[in-house]
């Protein structure tokens, strides 16, 4: 896929459309890409992520192989 060719094709289609619904959908796509999901997370989820990051930084991790061995019977 040539990104430049795709961008030009999409730009042409955008310029040719008068469909407000399409324009609003495109606008929403761009706005959702600019949005930082972190700000929408509940505080307890943010706290859990921060705890995980600290545990990882402290080396308190379980290797993937060990986790898979332990829980493979449930998968």
PDB file of N, CA and C in Angstrom:
ATOM      1  N   UNK A   1       0.847  -1.177   0.000  1.00  0.00           N
ATOM      2  CA  UNK A   1       0.000   0.000   0.000  1.00  0.00           C
ATOM      3  C   UNK A   1       0.889   1.236   0.000  1.00  0.00           C
ATOM      4  N   UNK A   2       0.670   2.093  -0.951  1.00  0.00           N
ATOM      5  CA  UNK A   2       1.399   3.353  -1.022  1.00  0.00           C
ATOM      6  C   UNK A   2       0.584   4.405  -0.264  1.00  0.00           C
ATOM      7  N   UNK A   3       1.105   4.841   0.856  1.00  0.00           N
ATOM      8  CA  UNK A   3       0.372   5.739   1.740  1.00  0.00           C
ATOM      9  C   UNK A   3       0.031   7.053   1.033  1.00  0.00           C
ATOM     10  N   UNK A   4       0.968   7.592   0.279  1.00  0.00           N
ATOM     11  CA  UNK A   4       0.718   8.864  -0.402  1.00  0.00           C
ATOM     12  C   UNK A   4      -0.430   8.732  -1.407  1.00  0.00           C
ATOM     13  N   UNK A   5      -0.464   7.648  -2.141  1.00  0.00           N
ATOM     14  CA  UNK A   5      -1.540   7.435  -3.115  1.00  0.00           C
ATOM     15  C   UNK A   5      -2.888   7.314  -2.394  1.00  0.00           C
ATOM     16  N   UNK A   6      -2.909   6.591  -1.286  1.00  0.00           N
ATOM     17  CA  UNK A   6      -4.142   6.446  -0.509  1.00  0.00           C
ATOM     18  C   UNK A   6      -4.614   7.789   0.041  1.00  0.00           C
ATOM     19  N   UNK A   7      -3.677   8.588   0.531  1.00  0.00           N
ATOM     20  CA  UNK A   7      -4.037   9.898   1.066  1.00  0.00           C
ATOM     21  C   UNK A   7      -4.634  10.795  -0.011  1.00  0.00           C
ATOM     22  N   UNK A   8      -4.047  10.774  -1.193  1.00  0.00           N
ATOM     23  CA  UNK A   8      -4.546  11.585  -2.301  1.00  0.00           C
ATOM     24  C   UNK A   8      -5.940  11.116  -2.718  1.00  0.00           C
ATOM     25  N   UNK A   9      -6.124   9.801  -2.810  1.00  0.00           N
ATOM     26  CA  UNK A   9      -7.432   9.257  -3.185  1.00  0.00           C
ATOM     27  C   UNK A   9      -8.494   9.636  -2.161  1.00  0.00           C
ATOM     28  N   UNK A  10      -8.147   9.541  -0.881  1.00  0.00           N
ATOM     29  CA  UNK A  10      -9.098   9.914   0.166  1.00  0.00           C
ATOM     30  C   UNK A  10      -9.393  11.411   0.143  1.00  0.00           C
ATOM     31  N   UNK A  11      -8.381  12.215  -0.089  1.00  0.00           N
ATOM     32  CA  UNK A  11      -8.572  13.671  -0.162  1.00  0.00           C
ATOM     33  C   UNK A  11      -9.511  14.026  -1.306  1.00  0.00           C
ATOM     34  N   UNK A  12      -9.345  13.371  -2.446  1.00  0.00           N
ATOM     35  CA  UNK A  12     -10.235  13.624  -3.590  1.00  0.00           C
ATOM     36  C   UNK A  12     -11.677  13.277  -3.231  1.00  0.00           C
ATOM     37  N   UNK A  13     -11.849  12.117  -2.616  1.00  0.00           N
ATOM     38  CA  UNK A  13     -13.210  11.706  -2.238  1.00  0.00           C
ATOM     39  C   UNK A  13     -13.809  12.667  -1.221  1.00  0.00           C
ATOM     40  N   UNK A  14     -12.999  13.123  -0.294  1.00  0.00           N
ATOM     41  CA  UNK A  14     -13.462  14.068   0.715  1.00  0.00           C
ATOM     42  C   UNK A  14     -13.911  15.372   0.071  1.00  0.00           C
ATOM     43  N   UNK A  15     -13.126  15.863  -0.869  1.00  0.00           N
ATOM     44  CA  UNK A  15     -13.473  17.107  -1.546  1.00  0.00           C
ATOM     45  C   UNK A  15     -14.718  16.977  -2.419  1.00  0.00           C
ATOM     46  N   UNK A  16     -14.994  15.782  -2.905  1.00  0.00           N
ATOM     47  CA  UNK A  16     -16.134  15.571  -3.794  1.00  0.00           C
ATOM     48  C   UNK A  16     -17.449  15.318  -3.061  1.00  0.00           C
ATOM     49  N   UNK A  17     -17.376  14.967  -1.782  1.00  0.00           N
ATOM     50  CA  UNK A  17     -18.611  14.607  -1.076  1.00  0.00           C
ATOM     51  C   UNK A  17     -19.311  15.827  -0.487  1.00  0.00           C
ATOM     52  N   UNK A  18     -20.628  15.754  -0.493  1.00  0.00           N
ATOM     53  CA  UNK A  18     -21.454  16.753   0.179  1.00  0.00           C
ATOM     54  C   UNK A  18     -22.249  16.099   1.304  1.00  0.00           C
ATOM     55  N   UNK A  19     -21.936  14.845   1.577  1.00  0.00           N
ATOM     56  CA  UNK A  19     -22.644  14.077   2.592  1.00  0.00           C
ATOM     57  C   UNK A  19     -22.134  14.480   3.978  1.00  0.00           C
ATOM     58  N   UNK A  20     -22.989  15.199   4.702  1.00  0.00           N
ATOM     59  CA  UNK A  20     -22.584  15.691   6.025  1.00  0.00           C
ATOM     60  C   UNK A  20     -22.296  14.558   6.995  1.00  0.00           C
ATOM     61  N   UNK A  21     -23.009  13.454   6.861  1.00  0.00           N
ATOM     62  CA  UNK A  21     -22.782  12.316   7.755  1.00  0.00           C
ATOM     63  C   UNK A  21     -21.371  11.765   7.566  1.00  0.00           C
ATOM     64  N   UNK A  22     -20.926  11.687   6.324  1.00  0.00           N
ATOM     65  CA  UNK A  22     -19.569  11.206   6.035  1.00  0.00           C
ATOM     66  C   UNK A  22     -18.547  12.170   6.617  1.00  0.00           C
ATOM     67  N   UNK A  23     -18.781  13.446   6.423  1.00  0.00           N
ATOM     68  CA  UNK A  23     -17.850  14.452   6.945  1.00  0.00           C
ATOM     69  C   UNK A  23     -17.766  14.384   8.468  1.00  0.00           C
ATOM     70  N   UNK A  24     -18.903  14.194   9.123  1.00  0.00           N
ATOM     71  CA  UNK A  24     -18.901  14.090  10.592  1.00  0.00           C
ATOM     72  C   UNK A  24     -18.167  12.832  11.060  1.00  0.00           C
ATOM     73  N   UNK A  25     -18.344  11.730  10.326  1.00  0.00           N
ATOM     74  CA  UNK A  25     -17.648  10.495  10.692  1.00  0.00           C
ATOM     75  C   UNK A  25     -16.143  10.662  10.558  1.00  0.00           C
ATOM     76  N   UNK A  26     -15.717  11.299   9.493  1.00  0.00           N
ATOM     77  CA  UNK A  26     -14.277  11.536   9.300  1.00  0.00           C
ATOM     78  C   UNK A  26     -13.744  12.432  10.402  1.00  0.00           C
ATOM     79  N   UNK A  27     -14.494  13.456  10.730  1.00  0.00           N
ATOM     80  CA  UNK A  27     -14.085  14.369  11.808  1.00  0.00           C
ATOM     81  C   UNK A  27     -13.949  13.601  13.127  1.00  0.00           C
ATOM     82  N   UNK A  28     -14.907  12.722  13.409  1.00  0.00           N
ATOM     83  CA  UNK A  28     -14.855  11.930  14.641  1.00  0.00           C
ATOM     84  C   UNK A  28     -13.640  11.018  14.676  1.00  0.00           C
ATOM     85  N   UNK A  29     -13.289  10.446  13.536  1.00  0.00           N
ATOM     86  CA  UNK A  29     -12.105   9.578  13.473  1.00  0.00           C
ATOM     87  C   UNK A  29     -10.861  10.378  13.849  1.00  0.00           C
ATOM     88  N   UNK A  30     -10.708  11.549  13.262  1.00  0.00           N
ATOM     89  CA  UNK A  30      -9.532  12.355  13.567  1.00  0.00           C
ATOM     90  C   UNK A  30      -9.533  12.821  15.018  1.00  0.00           C
ATOM     91  N   UNK A  31     -10.682  13.212  15.529  1.00  0.00           N
ATOM     92  CA  UNK A  31     -10.747  13.676  16.917  1.00  0.00           C
ATOM     93  C   UNK A  31     -10.484  12.537  17.897  1.00  0.00           C
ATOM     94  N   UNK A  32     -10.957  11.338  17.588  1.00  0.00           N
ATOM     95  CA  UNK A  32     -10.728  10.223  18.508  1.00  0.00           C
ATOM     96  C   UNK A  32      -9.259   9.817  18.514  1.00  0.00           C
ATOM     97  N   UNK A  33      -8.549  10.019  17.404  1.00  0.00           N
ATOM     98  CA  UNK A  33      -7.115   9.720  17.362  1.00  0.00           C
ATOM     99  C   UNK A  33      -6.310  10.715  18.172  1.00  0.00           C
ATOM    100  N   UNK A  34      -6.815  11.925  18.319  1.00  0.00           N
ATOM    101  CA  UNK A  34      -6.117  12.958  19.076  1.00  0.00           C
ATOM    102  C   UNK A  34      -6.369  12.835  20.577  1.00  0.00           C
ATOM    103  N   UNK A  35      -7.376  12.067  20.931  1.00  0.00           N
ATOM    104  CA  UNK A  35      -7.814  11.971  22.315  1.00  0.00           C
ATOM    105  C   UNK A  35      -6.915  11.016  23.095  1.00  0.00           C
ATOM    106  N   UNK A  36      -6.545  11.408  24.297  1.00  0.00           N
ATOM    107  CA  UNK A  36      -5.739  10.557  25.166  1.00  0.00           C
ATOM    108  C   UNK A  36      -6.683   9.757  26.063  1.00  0.00           C
ATOM    109  N   UNK A  37      -6.728   8.441  25.852  1.00  0.00           N
ATOM    110  CA  UNK A  37      -7.659   7.599  26.595  1.00  0.00           C
ATOM    111  C   UNK A  37      -7.375   7.608  28.091  1.00  0.00           C
ATOM    112  N   UNK A  38      -6.150   7.912  28.483  1.00  0.00           N
ATOM    113  CA  UNK A  38      -5.771   7.896  29.897  1.00  0.00           C
ATOM    114  C   UNK A  38      -6.699   8.783  30.721  1.00  0.00           C
ATOM    115  N   UNK A  39      -7.051   9.934  30.176  1.00  0.00           N
ATOM    116  CA  UNK A  39      -7.897  10.880  30.912  1.00  0.00           C
ATOM    117  C   UNK A  39      -9.308  10.346  31.140  1.00  0.00           C
ATOM    118  N   UNK A  40      -9.730   9.376  30.343  1.00  0.00           N
ATOM    119  CA  UNK A  40     -11.076   8.826  30.479  1.00  0.00           C
ATOM    120  C   UNK A  40     -11.138   7.615  31.396  1.00  0.00           C
ATOM    121  N   UNK A  41      -9.988   7.119  31.826  1.00  0.00           N
ATOM    122  CA  UNK A  41      -9.974   5.943  32.691  1.00  0.00           C
ATOM    123  C   UNK A  41     -10.391   6.302  34.110  1.00  0.00           C
ATOM    124  N   UNK A  42     -11.124   5.399  34.774  1.00  0.00           N
ATOM    125  CA  UNK A  42     -11.453   5.629  36.181  1.00  0.00           C
ATOM    126  C   UNK A  42     -10.172   5.621  37.032  1.00  0.00           C
ATOM    127  N   UNK A  43     -10.228   6.302  38.141  1.00  0.00           N
ATOM    128  CA  UNK A  43      -9.050   6.424  39.014  1.00  0.00           C
ATOM    129  C   UNK A  43      -8.537   5.071  39.485  1.00  0.00           C
ATOM    130  N   UNK A  44      -9.437   4.121  39.787  1.00  0.00           N
ATOM    131  CA  UNK A  44      -8.971   2.819  40.280  1.00  0.00           C
ATOM    132  C   UNK A  44      -8.212   2.062  39.185  1.00  0.00           C
ATOM    133  N   UNK A  45      -8.577   2.281  37.934  1.00  0.00           N
ATOM    134  CA  UNK A  45      -7.857   1.635  36.834  1.00  0.00           C
ATOM    135  C   UNK A  45      -6.476   2.272  36.677  1.00  0.00           C
ATOM    136  N   UNK A  46      -6.417   3.592  36.752  1.00  0.00           N
ATOM    137  CA  UNK A  46      -5.128   4.285  36.673  1.00  0.00           C
ATOM    138  C   UNK A  46      -4.203   3.823  37.796  1.00  0.00           C
ATOM    139  N   UNK A  47      -4.765   3.675  39.008  1.00  0.00           N
ATOM    140  CA  UNK A  47      -3.958   3.241  40.157  1.00  0.00           C
ATOM    141  C   UNK A  47      -3.415   1.833  39.922  1.00  0.00           C
ATOM    142  N   UNK A  48      -4.236   0.959  39.366  1.00  0.00           N
ATOM    143  CA  UNK A  48      -3.787  -0.408  39.077  1.00  0.00           C
ATOM    144  C   UNK A  48      -2.669  -0.438  38.043  1.00  0.00           C
ATOM    145  N   UNK A  49      -2.792   0.397  37.037  1.00  0.00           N
ATOM    146  CA  UNK A  49      -1.750   0.476  36.008  1.00  0.00           C
ATOM    147  C   UNK A  49      -0.450   1.000  36.605  1.00  0.00           C
ATOM    148  N   UNK A  50      -0.566   2.012  37.441  1.00  0.00           N
ATOM    149  CA  UNK A  50       0.635   2.567  38.082  1.00  0.00           C
ATOM    150  C   UNK A  50       1.298   1.540  38.990  1.00  0.00           C
ATOM    151  N   UNK A  51       0.487   0.747  39.721  1.00  0.00           N
ATOM    152  CA  UNK A  51       1.051  -0.326  40.562  1.00  0.00           C
ATOM    153  C   UNK A  51       1.801  -1.327  39.691  1.00  0.00           C
ATOM    154  N   UNK A  52       1.209  -1.669  38.569  1.00  0.00           N
ATOM    155  CA  UNK A  52       1.843  -2.621  37.642  1.00  0.00           C
ATOM    156  C   UNK A  52       3.158  -2.082  37.123  1.00  0.00           C
ATOM    157  N   UNK A  53       3.167  -0.819  36.769  1.00  0.00           N
ATOM    158  CA  UNK A  53       4.406  -0.204  36.264  1.00  0.00           C
ATOM    159  C   UNK A  53       5.499  -0.235  37.323  1.00  0.00           C
ATOM    160  N   UNK A  54       5.123   0.051  38.565  1.00  0.00           N
ATOM    161  CA  UNK A  54       6.112   0.036  39.647  1.00  0.00           C
ATOM    162  C   UNK A  54       6.630  -1.383  39.866  1.00  0.00           C
ATOM    163  N   UNK A  55       5.733  -2.364  39.850  1.00  0.00           N
ATOM    164  CA  UNK A  55       6.152  -3.758  40.014  1.00  0.00           C
ATOM    165  C   UNK A  55       7.113  -4.164  38.899  1.00  0.00           C
ATOM    166  N   UNK A  56       6.823  -3.756  37.691  1.00  0.00           N
ATOM    167  CA  UNK A  56       7.695  -4.080  36.560  1.00  0.00           C
ATOM    168  C   UNK A  56       9.053  -3.410  36.734  1.00  0.00           C
ATOM    169  N   UNK A  57       9.040  -2.150  37.151  1.00  0.00           N
ATOM    170  CA  UNK A  57      10.297  -1.432  37.356  1.00  0.00           C
ATOM    171  C   UNK A  57      11.123  -2.069  38.467  1.00  0.00           C
ATOM    172  N   UNK A  58      10.440  -2.652  39.471  1.00  0.00           N
ATOM    173  CA  UNK A  58      11.124  -3.308  40.592  1.00  0.00           C
ATOM    174  C   UNK A  58      11.520  -4.745  40.261  1.00  0.00           C
ATOM    175  N   UNK A  59      11.215  -5.183  39.050  1.00  0.00           N
ATOM    176  CA  UNK A  59      11.581  -6.536  38.637  1.00  0.00           C
ATOM    177  C   UNK A  59      10.668  -7.624  39.156  1.00  0.00           C
ATOM    178  N   UNK A  60       9.503  -7.244  39.644  1.00  0.00           N
ATOM    179  CA  UNK A  60       8.553  -8.221  40.185  1.00  0.00           C
ATOM    180  C   UNK A  60       7.652  -8.729  39.058  1.00  0.00           C
ATOM    181  N   UNK A  61       8.255  -9.443  38.140  1.00  0.00           N
ATOM    182  CA  UNK A  61       7.542  -9.961  36.982  1.00  0.00           C
ATOM    183  C   UNK A  61       7.603 -11.474  36.959  1.00  0.00           C
ATOM    184  N   UNK A  62       6.620 -12.089  36.320  1.00  0.00           N
ATOM    185  CA  UNK A  62       6.635 -13.529  36.101  1.00  0.00           C
ATOM    186  C   UNK A  62       6.825 -13.727  34.599  1.00  0.00           C
ATOM    187  N   UNK A  63       7.823 -14.512  34.206  1.00  0.00           N
ATOM    188  CA  UNK A  63       8.061 -14.725  32.777  1.00  0.00           C
ATOM    189  C   UNK A  63       6.836 -15.321  32.080  1.00  0.00           C
ATOM    190  N   UNK A  64       6.643 -14.934  30.841  1.00  0.00           N
ATOM    191  CA  UNK A  64       5.498 -15.380  30.047  1.00  0.00           C
ATOM    192  C   UNK A  64       5.393 -16.898  30.020  1.00  0.00           C
ATOM    193  N   UNK A  65       6.520 -17.575  29.855  1.00  0.00           N
ATOM    194  CA  UNK A  65       6.514 -19.035  29.791  1.00  0.00           C
ATOM    195  C   UNK A  65       5.936 -19.643  31.063  1.00  0.00           C
ATOM    196  N   UNK A  66       6.299 -19.074  32.198  1.00  0.00           N
ATOM    197  CA  UNK A  66       5.814 -19.601  33.474  1.00  0.00           C
ATOM    198  C   UNK A  66       4.306 -19.372  33.618  1.00  0.00           C
ATOM    199  N   UNK A  67       3.851 -18.222  33.220  1.00  0.00           N
ATOM    200  CA  UNK A  67       2.412 -17.929  33.281  1.00  0.00           C
ATOM    201  C   UNK A  67       1.647 -18.889  32.388  1.00  0.00           C
ATOM    202  N   UNK A  68       2.164 -19.104  31.178  1.00  0.00           N
ATOM    203  CA  UNK A  68       1.498 -20.010  30.244  1.00  0.00           C
ATOM    204  C   UNK A  68       1.466 -21.446  30.784  1.00  0.00           C
ATOM    205  N   UNK A  69       2.544 -21.862  31.434  1.00  0.00           N
ATOM    206  CA  UNK A  69       2.590 -23.195  32.004  1.00  0.00           C
ATOM    207  C   UNK A  69       1.539 -23.333  33.109  1.00  0.00           C
ATOM    208  N   UNK A  70       1.452 -22.307  33.941  1.00  0.00           N
ATOM    209  CA  UNK A  70       0.525 -22.325  35.073  1.00  0.00           C
ATOM    210  C   UNK A  70      -0.943 -22.342  34.626  1.00  0.00           C
ATOM    211  N   UNK A  71      -1.247 -21.553  33.612  1.00  0.00           N
ATOM    212  CA  UNK A  71      -2.654 -21.324  33.263  1.00  0.00           C
ATOM    213  C   UNK A  71      -3.086 -21.978  31.955  1.00  0.00           C
ATOM    214  N   UNK A  72      -2.226 -22.756  31.343  1.00  0.00           N
ATOM    215  CA  UNK A  72      -2.576 -23.390  30.054  1.00  0.00           C
ATOM    216  C   UNK A  72      -3.782 -24.323  30.185  1.00  0.00           C
ATOM    217  N   UNK A  73      -3.975 -24.910  31.358  1.00  0.00           N
ATOM    218  CA  UNK A  73      -5.099 -25.815  31.534  1.00  0.00           C
ATOM    219  C   UNK A  73      -6.437 -25.065  31.492  1.00  0.00           C
ATOM    220  N   UNK A  74      -6.417 -23.749  31.684  1.00  0.00           N
ATOM    221  CA  UNK A  74      -7.640 -22.949  31.654  1.00  0.00           C
ATOM    222  C   UNK A  74      -7.928 -22.361  30.274  1.00  0.00           C
ATOM    223  N   UNK A  75      -6.951 -22.473  29.400  1.00  0.00           N
ATOM    224  CA  UNK A  75      -7.117 -21.857  28.077  1.00  0.00           C
ATOM    225  C   UNK A  75      -7.698 -22.807  27.065  1.00  0.00           C
TER     226      UNK A  75
END
